[in-house]
Protein backbone atom coordinates (compact mmCIF):
# COMPACT_ATOMS: atom_id res chain seq x y z
CA MET A 1 -6.32 10.41 18.69
CA THR A 2 -6.52 6.64 18.25
CA ASP A 3 -9.83 4.82 18.57
CA ALA A 4 -9.02 1.62 20.46
CA SER A 5 -12.36 0.08 19.45
CA LEU A 6 -11.16 -0.17 15.84
CA ASN A 7 -9.14 -3.32 15.27
CA VAL A 8 -6.66 -3.83 12.47
CA ILE A 9 -6.84 -7.26 10.85
CA ASN A 10 -4.41 -8.81 8.39
CA ASN A 11 -6.51 -10.01 5.47
CA GLN A 12 -3.82 -12.29 4.05
CA ALA A 13 -6.02 -13.47 1.17
CA ALA A 14 -6.34 -9.87 -0.08
CA HIS A 15 -2.78 -8.91 0.96
CA ARG A 16 -3.87 -5.95 3.04
CA PHE A 17 -4.37 -4.71 6.56
CA GLU A 18 -7.95 -3.58 7.20
CA VAL A 19 -10.05 -1.67 9.68
CA ARG A 20 -13.82 -1.72 9.34
CA LEU A 21 -16.33 0.83 10.56
CA GLY A 22 -19.90 0.04 9.53
CA ASP A 23 -19.86 -0.43 5.76
CA GLU A 24 -16.55 1.42 5.36
CA THR A 25 -13.11 -0.21 5.18
CA ALA A 26 -9.75 1.48 5.53
CA PHE A 27 -6.85 -0.56 4.23
CA ALA A 28 -3.15 -0.72 3.49
CA GLU A 29 -2.14 -3.06 0.69
CA TYR A 30 1.09 -5.03 0.82
CA ARG A 31 3.13 -7.28 -1.41
CA LEU A 32 5.70 -9.76 -0.13
CA GLU A 33 9.11 -10.06 -1.75
CA PRO A 34 11.87 -12.48 -0.75
CA ASP A 35 13.64 -9.92 1.47
CA ALA A 36 11.06 -7.15 1.83
CA ILE A 37 7.44 -6.14 2.18
CA VAL A 38 6.17 -3.42 -0.15
CA PHE A 39 3.38 -1.08 0.95
CA PRO A 40 2.09 0.47 -2.31
CA HIS A 41 -1.33 1.87 -1.42
CA THR A 42 -3.36 3.00 1.59
CA VAL A 43 -7.00 4.14 1.65
CA VAL A 44 -8.63 5.77 4.66
CA PRO A 45 -12.24 6.89 4.01
CA GLU A 46 -13.59 10.09 5.55
CA ALA A 47 -15.62 8.04 8.06
CA PHE A 48 -12.30 7.32 9.82
CA ALA A 49 -11.12 10.94 10.03
CA GLY A 50 -9.49 11.84 13.33
CA LYS A 51 -9.43 8.27 14.62
CA GLY A 52 -5.74 7.53 13.95
CA VAL A 53 -6.59 4.69 11.60
CA GLY A 54 -3.86 5.49 9.08
CA GLY A 55 -1.24 5.29 11.81
CA GLN A 56 -2.72 2.04 13.10
CA LEU A 57 -2.46 0.54 9.61
CA VAL A 58 1.20 1.56 9.34
CA GLN A 59 1.99 0.21 12.81
CA ALA A 60 0.33 -3.12 11.97
CA GLY A 61 2.28 -3.33 8.72
CA LEU A 62 5.58 -2.59 10.45
CA ALA A 63 4.84 -5.16 13.15
CA TYR A 64 4.16 -7.75 10.45
CA ALA A 65 7.43 -6.86 8.72
CA ARG A 66 9.30 -7.36 12.00
CA GLU A 67 7.51 -10.67 12.60
CA LEU A 68 8.58 -11.93 9.17
CA HIS A 69 12.08 -10.39 9.48
CA LEU A 70 11.53 -8.34 6.32
CA LEU A 71 12.66 -4.85 5.41
CA VAL A 72 10.03 -2.32 4.38
CA LYS A 73 9.60 -0.62 1.01
CA PRO A 74 7.18 2.25 1.71
CA THR A 75 6.15 3.21 -1.83
CA CYS A 76 2.78 4.49 -0.58
CA PRO A 77 3.10 8.23 0.17
CA PHE A 78 1.32 7.83 3.52
CA PHE A 79 3.61 5.01 4.70
CA HIS A 80 6.63 6.94 3.45
CA ALA A 81 5.65 10.15 5.27
CA TYR A 82 4.81 8.30 8.50
CA ILE A 83 8.20 6.56 8.55
CA ALA A 84 10.15 9.63 7.39
CA LYS A 85 8.89 11.58 10.43
CA ARG A 86 10.15 8.87 12.80
CA PRO A 87 13.92 8.31 12.52
CA GLU A 88 13.69 5.36 14.91
CA LEU A 89 11.85 3.47 12.14
CA HIS A 90 14.36 4.18 9.36
CA GLU A 91 16.34 1.03 10.12
CA LEU A 92 13.28 -1.02 9.07
CA VAL A 93 13.37 0.47 5.58
CA HIS A 94 15.05 -1.39 2.73
CA PRO A 95 18.46 0.20 1.99
CA SER A 96 17.37 0.99 -1.57
CA MET A 97 14.76 3.40 -0.17
CA ARG A 98 16.48 4.95 2.86
CA ALA A 99 17.89 7.96 0.99
CA GLY A 100 14.34 9.10 0.28
CA LEU A 101 13.60 9.32 4.00
CA VAL A 102 15.71 12.42 4.55
CA THR A 103 13.41 15.17 5.70
CA PRO A 104 14.32 18.87 5.50
């Protein structure tokens, strides 16, 4: 279940997408490369449990990649698992990482 009251922002200075709830911050870090965007790390505190925040962070990151016409390198296990479960997103992944998206 997604909580629509929680907004994802792109904190470009910190190179991460963020969602705040009180004093807590969930985030997905990113690093820009010439032809790709790398997502190395995601943190979702317990305060966000059951609110769909992790998925919102991934969706925001993928939208940003599309906006910049970049391929995605999902080195973060959460990003990788999210994309692996959705074959329609595999085309967004950098060719060097597509083989790892095969799910049993």
